[in-house]
């Protein structure tokens, strides 16, 4: 299969195509293989669902080789891109003879005229040209060339990855990219949230090397980057579960704290502080925290000031007026605000003056909320189970607000929920545990695997 076709097919399955970049050494990070066999690593990435691979063959700074390229091309069935400082047509022929399907052509190294020459030569011999850019000018050149596969590198390759470019660089440039090209963001992507930020800005895929290579479980990290939405696991009560969820690459961990109604997951603020400290100690990049609470404006603000989570989730009967005050105070602290929306129409009318989800989302946005949570369960039925969010016939509200969905989500129905609502985040509590506050590794893996396999996973289950 053609390199670009493989990427498009993976995207059509509903997940984010992530290209694992296989490099043995980084001038900034040092030895990346740490005793691993790079060919076996390539095979493991294919088995984990990577649609294509990238192999760095540059010898001096990155310790690659054409021998490694040939060995990987022979060991895997998916298309392989050669990454190197390509200079001439002989490099293209060498890549093709080694079994490569695509070649990296960098404007920063070749210049406009030479790149265009090699682009046409690559097409002639059956290689897919991957045109790499780093600036607005280079993106405009790629559009003029008619490139079908374009990369935007967050870092300056001429500095050999020693600069600190991150996803914000690509996000600022994607608006200038040609609409009909397949766009790949490269370098500086540390987490699944980074990848999804790039996709929301207009990217189609991501090329990631160091973050996957450095992860204790590279396959799990690949899955975290491929899923189409963020994953929040709520109801954390134990330090070992905070560590488990962080190592499983959940994007947000939720801690129910001083909730006004008695629920099994409720923690005192000092207990939550201890767990948040443990979470910071895991060293997992990109993991964020959310305190789930409710009550008076003064209580919520005081709790947020003391605990300093990334988000506060208002999950009780707070009014829009109270939300407005809380959001203003918390935004000044750099804390986002999630507002839950009950499923009962009467309660919606009481809290928001409307039962319509789109109206409610717009009102939450106007009041300063950062996200709306559609939750089919509440304090009264969360522990015993209630209707699944999938019983909700609604689709994604139109308001410009982050959509979170929750209620009865498990590894069995997580993908269906994603297809139904196209959420920015799914919120899982009972679907990740065997008892309140007792998280289960197998259930969490079921969730993360399902979200990374996408439409292909659903088809397999239907055939079974």
Protein backbone atom coordinates (compact mmCIF):
# COMPACT_ATOMS: atom_id res chain seq x y z
CA UNK A 1 0.00 0.00 0.00
CA UNK A 2 1.15 3.56 -0.76
CA UNK A 3 2.45 5.50 2.26
CA UNK A 4 -0.13 8.27 1.97
CA UNK A 5 -2.96 5.80 1.31
CA UNK A 6 -2.05 3.93 4.53
CA UNK A 7 -2.29 7.15 6.52
CA UNK A 8 -5.62 8.09 4.95
CA UNK A 9 -7.01 4.62 5.67
CA UNK A 10 -6.05 4.84 9.35
CA UNK A 11 -7.68 8.26 9.62
CA UNK A 12 -10.84 6.83 8.00
CA UNK A 13 -11.02 4.33 10.88
CA UNK A 14 -11.69 7.28 13.18
CA UNK A 15 -8.40 7.40 15.06
CA UNK A 16 -5.40 9.68 14.68
CA UNK A 17 -2.67 8.26 12.44
CA UNK A 18 0.55 8.35 14.45
CA UNK A 19 3.86 7.61 12.75
CA UNK A 20 6.45 6.12 15.15
CA UNK A 21 9.85 7.57 14.31
CA UNK A 22 12.58 4.98 14.80
CA UNK A 23 15.85 6.65 15.67
CA UNK A 24 18.66 5.15 17.67
CA UNK A 25 20.09 8.36 19.08
CA UNK A 26 19.15 12.01 19.56
CA UNK A 27 21.71 14.82 19.88
CA UNK A 28 19.47 16.25 22.62
CA UNK A 29 18.24 13.09 24.40
CA UNK A 30 21.14 10.69 23.82
CA UNK A 31 20.67 6.91 23.41
CA UNK A 32 17.00 6.21 22.66
CA UNK A 33 17.14 2.45 22.14
CA UNK A 34 18.79 1.71 25.51
CA UNK A 35 19.75 -1.81 24.53
CA UNK A 36 16.60 -2.58 22.52
CA UNK A 37 16.76 -4.01 19.04
CA UNK A 38 15.38 -1.32 16.69
CA UNK A 39 14.05 -3.91 14.24
CA UNK A 40 12.09 -5.67 16.97
CA UNK A 41 10.87 -2.26 18.13
CA UNK A 42 9.59 -1.56 14.61
CA UNK A 43 7.73 -4.88 14.60
CA UNK A 44 6.15 -4.05 17.96
CA UNK A 45 4.94 -0.68 16.64
CA UNK A 46 3.33 -2.39 13.65
CA UNK A 47 1.64 -4.90 15.97
CA UNK A 48 0.36 -2.03 18.15
CA UNK A 49 -1.46 -0.49 15.19
CA UNK A 50 0.95 1.98 13.59
CA UNK A 51 -0.18 2.50 9.97
CA UNK A 52 3.32 3.38 8.73
CA UNK A 53 6.82 3.87 10.13
CA UNK A 54 9.63 6.39 9.86
CA UNK A 55 13.29 5.32 10.06
CA UNK A 56 16.16 7.76 10.63
CA UNK A 57 19.16 6.62 8.57
CA UNK A 58 21.52 9.56 9.21
CA UNK A 59 24.70 8.10 10.72
CA UNK A 60 26.78 10.87 12.32
CA UNK A 61 24.28 12.61 14.63
CA UNK A 62 21.44 10.04 14.87
CA UNK A 63 23.38 6.76 14.58
CA UNK A 64 21.15 5.35 11.84
CA UNK A 65 22.10 3.42 8.71
CA UNK A 66 20.77 2.10 5.43
CA UNK A 67 21.39 -1.39 6.82
CA UNK A 68 18.83 -0.65 9.54
CA UNK A 69 16.43 0.69 6.91
CA UNK A 70 16.67 -2.51 4.85
CA UNK A 71 16.24 -4.74 7.89
CA UNK A 72 13.12 -2.90 9.04
CA UNK A 73 11.60 -2.88 5.55
CA UNK A 74 12.09 -6.65 5.41
CA UNK A 75 10.64 -7.21 8.90
CA UNK A 76 7.37 -5.26 8.59
CA UNK A 77 4.48 -5.21 6.12
CA UNK A 78 3.55 -1.55 6.50
CA UNK A 79 5.10 1.27 4.42
CA UNK A 80 8.34 2.84 5.66
CA UNK A 81 9.61 6.42 5.31
CA UNK A 82 13.33 7.19 5.16
CA UNK A 83 14.38 10.24 7.20
CA UNK A 84 17.78 11.67 6.38
CA UNK A 85 19.45 14.75 4.91
CA UNK A 86 18.60 13.71 1.37
CA UNK A 87 20.76 15.46 -1.24
CA UNK A 88 20.39 13.86 -4.65
CA UNK A 89 18.61 11.35 -6.89
CA UNK A 90 21.06 8.62 -5.87
CA UNK A 91 19.68 8.87 -2.33
CA UNK A 92 16.18 8.30 -3.73
CA UNK A 93 17.21 5.20 -5.68
CA UNK A 94 19.05 3.84 -2.65
CA UNK A 95 15.87 4.28 -0.57
CA UNK A 96 13.72 2.52 -3.15
CA UNK A 97 16.16 -0.39 -3.44
CA UNK A 98 16.15 -0.80 0.35
CA UNK A 99 12.37 -1.28 0.33
CA UNK A 100 11.34 2.23 1.35
CA UNK A 101 7.94 3.58 0.37
CA UNK A 102 8.47 7.27 1.14
CA UNK A 103 11.28 9.80 1.36
CA UNK A 104 11.66 12.91 3.52
CA UNK A 105 12.49 16.07 1.56
CA UNK A 106 13.27 19.13 3.69
CA UNK A 107 13.01 22.68 2.40
CA UNK A 108 15.38 23.86 5.13
CA UNK A 109 18.15 21.62 3.76
CA UNK A 110 17.45 21.59 0.02
CA UNK A 111 15.97 24.94 -0.87
CA UNK A 112 13.04 25.47 -3.23
CA UNK A 113 14.52 24.51 -6.61
CA UNK A 114 16.42 21.40 -5.49
CA UNK A 115 13.47 20.09 -3.50
CA UNK A 116 11.15 20.47 -6.46
CA UNK A 117 13.61 18.53 -8.62
CA UNK A 118 13.85 15.66 -6.13
CA UNK A 119 10.09 15.71 -5.57
CA UNK A 120 9.44 14.95 -9.23
CA UNK A 121 12.17 12.32 -9.31
CA UNK A 122 10.68 10.56 -6.26
CA UNK A 123 7.29 10.38 -7.93
CA UNK A 124 8.90 9.00 -11.10
CA UNK A 125 10.50 6.04 -9.30
CA UNK A 126 7.48 5.28 -7.10
CA UNK A 127 8.46 6.92 -3.80
CA UNK A 128 5.94 9.03 -1.88
CA UNK A 129 7.60 12.42 -1.20
CA UNK A 130 7.08 13.66 2.36
CA UNK A 131 7.74 17.40 2.16
CA UNK A 132 8.91 18.89 5.46
CA UNK A 133 8.38 22.56 6.31
CA UNK A 134 9.16 24.76 9.29
CA UNK A 135 7.89 28.21 8.28
CA UNK A 136 4.99 29.95 6.60
CA UNK A 137 7.11 30.58 3.50
CA UNK A 138 7.97 26.90 3.19
CA UNK A 139 4.30 25.92 3.59
CA UNK A 140 3.38 28.27 0.76
CA UNK A 141 6.11 26.71 -1.38
CA UNK A 142 4.72 23.23 -0.61
CA UNK A 143 1.27 24.41 -1.68
CA UNK A 144 2.70 25.84 -4.90
CA UNK A 145 4.41 22.51 -5.54
CA UNK A 146 1.14 20.64 -5.05
CA UNK A 147 2.60 18.38 -2.37
CA UNK A 148 0.11 15.78 -1.16
CA UNK A 149 1.95 14.88 2.08
CA UNK A 150 3.34 17.78 4.09
CA UNK A 151 5.06 17.79 7.47
CA UNK A 152 5.33 20.78 9.79
CA UNK A 153 8.30 20.39 12.10
CA UNK A 154 7.96 22.14 15.45
CA UNK A 155 11.73 22.16 15.78
CA UNK A 156 14.49 23.45 13.54
CA UNK A 157 16.18 20.41 12.01
CA UNK A 158 19.28 22.52 11.32
CA UNK A 159 19.70 22.75 15.11
CA UNK A 160 19.52 18.93 15.31
CA UNK A 161 16.46 18.91 17.63
CA UNK A 162 18.26 20.88 20.34
CA UNK A 163 15.74 23.71 20.30
CA UNK A 164 12.58 23.61 22.42
CA UNK A 165 9.90 23.95 19.75
CA UNK A 166 6.54 22.46 20.70
CA UNK A 167 3.09 21.95 19.20
CA UNK A 168 2.27 25.65 19.44
CA UNK A 169 4.60 26.30 16.49
CA UNK A 170 2.67 23.98 14.15
CA UNK A 171 -0.67 25.19 15.52
CA UNK A 172 0.24 28.74 14.47
CA UNK A 173 1.19 27.61 10.93
CA UNK A 174 -1.55 25.14 10.05
CA UNK A 175 -3.87 27.93 8.94
CA UNK A 176 -1.51 28.55 6.01
CA UNK A 177 -1.37 24.91 4.86
CA UNK A 178 -3.12 23.83 1.64
CA UNK A 179 -6.56 22.39 2.35
CA UNK A 180 -6.16 19.38 0.04
CA UNK A 181 -2.84 18.16 1.50
CA UNK A 182 -2.45 15.52 4.22
CA UNK A 183 -0.77 17.38 7.09
CA UNK A 184 1.58 15.79 9.62
CA UNK A 185 2.90 17.58 12.72
CA UNK A 186 6.40 16.52 13.75
CA UNK A 187 8.61 16.82 16.85
CA UNK A 188 7.96 18.25 20.30
CA UNK A 189 4.85 16.14 20.89
CA UNK A 190 5.02 14.83 24.45
CA UNK A 191 1.54 13.42 25.09
CA UNK A 192 -1.77 12.42 23.57
CA UNK A 193 -3.14 15.84 24.46
CA UNK A 194 -0.36 17.44 22.37
CA UNK A 195 -1.30 15.28 19.38
CA UNK A 196 -4.99 16.08 19.71
CA UNK A 197 -4.20 19.78 20.05
CA UNK A 198 -2.40 19.58 16.71
CA UNK A 199 -5.35 17.76 15.12
CA UNK A 200 -7.83 20.35 16.42
CA UNK A 201 -5.63 23.02 14.84
CA UNK A 202 -5.93 21.29 11.46
CA UNK A 203 -3.38 18.45 11.33
CA UNK A 204 -4.31 15.01 10.00
CA UNK A 205 -1.57 13.00 11.71
CA UNK A 206 1.52 13.18 13.90
CA UNK A 207 5.06 11.87 13.63
CA UNK A 208 6.45 11.06 17.09
CA UNK A 209 9.80 9.62 18.03
CA UNK A 210 11.28 10.48 21.40
CA UNK A 211 8.08 10.50 23.49
CA UNK A 212 7.15 6.98 22.39
CA UNK A 213 10.72 5.66 22.56
CA UNK A 214 11.20 7.02 26.10
CA UNK A 215 7.88 5.72 27.44
CA UNK A 216 8.10 2.71 29.82
CA UNK A 217 5.41 1.08 27.65
CA UNK A 218 5.82 2.39 24.06
CA UNK A 219 2.76 0.52 22.77
CA UNK A 220 0.56 2.12 25.43
CA UNK A 221 1.94 5.57 24.60
CA UNK A 222 1.23 4.98 20.90
CA UNK A 223 -2.37 4.07 21.75
CA UNK A 224 -2.74 7.18 23.92
CA UNK A 225 -1.66 9.34 20.99
CA UNK A 226 -3.91 7.61 18.47
CA UNK A 227 -7.19 7.94 20.33
CA UNK A 228 -9.56 10.60 18.96
CA UNK A 229 -10.44 12.16 22.32
CA UNK A 230 -8.95 12.71 25.75
CA UNK A 231 -9.60 10.18 28.51
CA UNK A 232 -10.49 11.21 32.05
CA UNK A 233 -10.57 8.55 34.76
CA UNK A 234 -12.49 9.73 37.79
CA UNK A 235 -12.97 8.49 41.33
CA UNK A 236 -9.28 8.11 42.20
CA UNK A 237 -8.94 7.33 45.89
CA UNK A 238 -5.63 5.49 46.25
CA UNK A 239 -2.05 6.46 45.44
CA UNK A 240 -1.41 3.22 43.55
CA UNK A 241 -4.43 3.93 41.36
CA UNK A 242 -3.24 7.47 40.61
CA UNK A 243 0.07 5.98 39.48
CA UNK A 244 -1.67 3.22 37.49
CA UNK A 245 -3.90 5.68 35.61
CA UNK A 246 -0.99 8.02 34.91
CA UNK A 247 1.16 5.18 33.61
CA UNK A 248 -1.77 4.01 31.48
CA UNK A 249 -1.71 7.48 29.88
CA UNK A 250 -5.07 8.75 31.05
CA UNK A 251 -5.09 12.43 30.15
CA UNK A 252 -6.98 13.68 33.22
CA UNK A 253 -7.39 12.12 36.67
CA UNK A 254 -10.49 13.04 38.66
CA UNK A 255 -10.68 13.34 42.45
CA UNK A 256 -14.12 13.71 44.07
CA UNK A 257 -13.45 16.10 46.93
CA UNK A 258 -15.76 17.41 49.65
CA UNK A 259 -18.79 16.74 47.51
CA UNK A 260 -22.02 17.96 49.22
CA UNK A 261 -23.74 14.57 48.91
CA UNK A 262 -22.43 11.34 50.38
CA UNK A 263 -20.88 9.24 47.58
CA UNK A 264 -18.40 6.34 47.90
CA UNK A 265 -15.56 8.24 46.20
CA UNK A 266 -15.63 11.34 48.41
CA UNK A 267 -12.27 12.55 49.76
CA UNK A 268 -11.24 15.19 52.27
CA UNK A 269 -9.10 17.92 50.79
CA UNK A 270 -5.98 16.73 52.61
CA UNK A 271 -6.45 13.28 51.07
CA UNK A 272 -6.77 14.80 47.61
CA UNK A 273 -3.66 16.92 48.20
CA UNK A 274 -1.67 13.78 49.03
CA UNK A 275 -2.88 12.09 45.85
CA UNK A 276 -2.11 15.14 43.72
CA UNK A 277 1.43 15.17 45.12
CA UNK A 278 1.76 11.49 44.20
CA UNK A 279 0.52 12.25 40.69
CA UNK A 280 3.15 14.96 40.23
CA UNK A 281 5.78 12.47 41.35
CA UNK A 282 5.03 10.00 38.56
CA UNK A 283 6.86 12.11 36.00
CA UNK A 284 4.28 11.24 33.34
CA UNK A 285 4.13 14.04 30.75
CA UNK A 286 0.82 15.72 30.15
CA UNK A 287 -1.26 14.10 32.90
CA UNK A 288 -3.68 16.66 34.33
CA UNK A 289 -5.84 16.73 37.44
CA UNK A 290 -9.49 17.57 38.05
CA UNK A 291 -11.20 18.17 41.39
CA UNK A 292 -14.88 17.19 41.24
CA UNK A 293 -16.86 19.13 43.81
CA UNK A 294 -19.84 21.38 44.46
CA UNK A 295 -21.38 23.72 46.97
CA UNK A 296 -21.01 27.38 47.76
CA UNK A 297 -18.94 29.75 45.65
CA UNK A 298 -16.65 30.48 48.60
CA UNK A 299 -16.05 26.79 49.31
CA UNK A 300 -15.26 25.92 45.68
CA UNK A 301 -12.83 28.82 45.25
CA UNK A 302 -11.07 28.08 48.54
CA UNK A 303 -10.70 24.42 47.58
CA UNK A 304 -9.26 25.33 44.19
CA UNK A 305 -6.82 27.83 45.71
CA UNK A 306 -5.52 25.23 48.13
CA UNK A 307 -5.28 22.24 45.76
CA UNK A 308 -4.44 24.01 42.47
CA UNK A 309 -5.71 21.29 40.09
CA UNK A 310 -5.76 21.81 36.32
CA UNK A 311 -9.58 21.69 36.31
CA UNK A 312 -12.45 22.01 38.74
CA UNK A 313 -15.63 20.16 37.81
CA UNK A 314 -18.83 21.64 39.23
CA UNK A 315 -21.12 18.68 39.66
CA UNK A 316 -23.85 19.86 42.02
CA UNK A 317 -26.59 22.51 41.70
CA UNK A 318 -24.44 25.59 41.03
CA UNK A 319 -26.32 28.25 39.06
CA UNK A 320 -25.08 30.12 36.00
CA UNK A 321 -24.52 33.20 38.18
CA UNK A 322 -22.37 31.15 40.55
CA UNK A 323 -20.52 29.58 37.62
CA UNK A 324 -19.68 33.06 36.32
CA UNK A 325 -18.08 34.09 39.62
CA UNK A 326 -16.23 30.79 40.08
CA UNK A 327 -14.91 30.76 36.50
CA UNK A 328 -13.56 34.30 36.76
CA UNK A 329 -11.70 33.50 39.99
CA UNK A 330 -10.35 30.14 38.79
CA UNK A 331 -9.22 31.42 35.40
CA UNK A 332 -7.08 33.97 37.23
CA UNK A 333 -5.37 30.97 38.85
CA UNK A 334 -4.94 29.16 35.53
CA UNK A 335 -7.61 26.58 36.41
CA UNK A 336 -10.22 25.44 33.88
CA UNK A 337 -13.87 24.91 34.80
CA UNK A 338 -16.08 21.98 33.75
CA UNK A 339 -19.83 22.27 34.36
CA UNK A 340 -21.87 19.06 34.50
CA UNK A 341 -25.32 18.94 32.93
CA UNK A 342 -27.87 16.62 34.56
CA UNK A 343 -29.94 14.30 32.38
CA UNK A 344 -33.24 15.17 34.09
CA UNK A 345 -35.08 17.93 32.12
CA UNK A 346 -36.65 19.45 35.25
CA UNK A 347 -33.27 19.87 36.95
CA UNK A 348 -31.90 21.43 33.76
CA UNK A 349 -34.71 23.96 33.78
CA UNK A 350 -34.05 24.78 37.42
CA UNK A 351 -30.30 25.22 36.93
CA UNK A 352 -30.07 26.70 33.43
CA UNK A 353 -33.55 27.91 32.49
CA UNK A 354 -33.60 25.49 29.57
CA UNK A 355 -33.67 21.75 28.93
CA UNK A 356 -32.10 22.02 25.47
CA UNK A 357 -28.46 20.88 25.40
CA UNK A 358 -27.33 23.37 22.77
CA UNK A 359 -28.90 26.27 24.73
CA UNK A 360 -27.28 25.06 27.95
CA UNK A 361 -23.86 24.73 26.35
CA UNK A 362 -24.07 28.27 25.00
CA UNK A 363 -25.08 29.59 28.43
CA UNK A 364 -22.17 27.75 30.07
CA UNK A 365 -19.79 29.26 27.51
CA UNK A 366 -21.17 32.75 28.12
CA UNK A 367 -20.73 32.27 31.88
CA UNK A 368 -17.05 31.43 31.41
CA UNK A 369 -17.13 27.63 31.55
CA UNK A 370 -14.46 25.78 29.58
CA UNK A 371 -16.34 22.51 29.14
CA UNK A 372 -19.79 21.01 29.48
CA UNK A 373 -20.20 17.47 30.79
CA UNK A 374 -23.14 15.44 29.55
CA UNK A 375 -23.50 12.85 32.30
CA UNK A 376 -26.26 10.25 32.40
CA UNK A 377 -25.63 9.61 36.10
CA UNK A 378 -25.70 11.70 39.25
CA UNK A 379 -24.90 11.35 42.93
CA UNK A 380 -28.09 9.36 43.47
CA UNK A 381 -27.35 6.53 41.05
CA UNK A 382 -23.62 6.66 40.31
CA UNK A 383 -22.71 3.88 42.73
CA UNK A 384 -25.50 1.50 41.72
CA UNK A 385 -25.46 2.36 38.04
CA UNK A 386 -27.99 4.15 35.91
CA UNK A 387 -28.61 4.67 32.22
CA UNK A 388 -25.61 4.76 29.93
CA UNK A 389 -24.85 8.00 28.11
CA UNK A 390 -25.60 6.00 24.96
CA UNK A 391 -29.28 6.13 25.89
CA UNK A 392 -29.07 9.85 25.15
CA UNK A 393 -30.27 10.41 21.58
CA UNK A 394 -28.64 13.80 21.25
CA UNK A 395 -25.55 14.53 19.19
CA UNK A 396 -22.72 16.98 19.77
CA UNK A 397 -24.01 20.47 20.69
CA UNK A 398 -23.01 23.25 18.31
CA UNK A 399 -21.69 25.69 20.93
CA UNK A 400 -17.97 26.43 20.89
CA UNK A 401 -17.29 24.61 24.15
CA UNK A 402 -15.31 21.51 25.02
CA UNK A 403 -17.66 18.51 25.20
CA UNK A 404 -17.15 15.85 27.86
CA UNK A 405 -19.42 12.80 28.06
CA UNK A 406 -19.80 10.33 30.92
CA UNK A 407 -22.05 7.66 32.37
CA UNK A 408 -21.76 3.92 31.88
CA UNK A 409 -18.74 4.08 29.55
CA UNK A 410 -16.57 0.95 29.41
CA UNK A 411 -14.12 -0.65 27.02
CA UNK A 412 -17.09 -2.33 25.37
CA UNK A 413 -18.91 0.83 24.35
CA UNK A 414 -16.26 3.59 24.46
CA UNK A 415 -15.79 3.63 20.71
CA UNK A 416 -19.54 3.74 20.08
CA UNK A 417 -19.77 6.73 22.43
CA UNK A 418 -16.99 8.48 20.50
CA UNK A 419 -18.73 7.91 17.17
CA UNK A 420 -22.08 9.08 18.53
CA UNK A 421 -20.98 12.31 20.22
CA UNK A 422 -17.52 13.16 18.82
CA UNK A 423 -16.50 14.37 22.30
CA UNK A 424 -13.33 16.17 23.26
CA UNK A 425 -13.10 13.93 26.32
CA UNK A 426 -14.79 10.87 27.77
CA UNK A 427 -15.18 10.59 31.55
CA UNK A 428 -15.01 7.10 33.03
CA UNK A 429 -15.48 6.12 36.67
CA UNK A 430 -17.27 2.82 37.36
CA UNK A 431 -16.12 1.45 33.99
CA UNK A 432 -12.53 1.56 35.26
CA UNK A 433 -12.99 -0.15 38.63
CA UNK A 434 -14.12 -3.35 40.32
CA UNK A 435 -15.49 -1.47 43.36
CA UNK A 436 -15.73 2.23 44.25
CA UNK A 437 -12.21 3.62 44.26
CA UNK A 438 -10.60 0.30 43.25
CA UNK A 439 -9.20 0.80 39.76
CA UNK A 440 -8.52 -2.24 37.61
CA UNK A 441 -5.60 -2.51 35.18
CA UNK A 442 -7.44 -4.81 32.77
CA UNK A 443 -10.51 -2.57 32.58
CA UNK A 444 -8.36 0.49 31.95
CA UNK A 445 -6.41 -1.32 29.24
CA UNK A 446 -9.69 -2.34 27.63
CA UNK A 447 -10.64 1.35 27.46
CA UNK A 448 -7.33 2.58 26.07
CA UNK A 449 -7.10 -0.23 23.50
CA UNK A 450 -10.67 0.31 22.27
CA UNK A 451 -10.13 4.03 21.79
CA UNK A 452 -6.93 3.42 19.80
CA UNK A 453 -8.34 0.75 17.50
CA UNK A 454 -11.34 2.75 16.40
CA UNK A 455 -13.76 1.58 13.76
CA UNK A 456 -11.63 -1.49 13.07
CA UNK A 457 -12.11 -2.61 16.68
CA UNK A 458 -15.91 -2.23 16.43
CA UNK A 459 -16.00 -4.31 13.24
CA UNK A 460 -14.01 -7.08 14.91
CA UNK A 461 -16.45 -7.19 17.85
CA UNK A 462 -19.45 -7.28 15.52
CA UNK A 463 -17.93 -10.20 13.60
CA UNK A 464 -17.31 -12.08 16.84
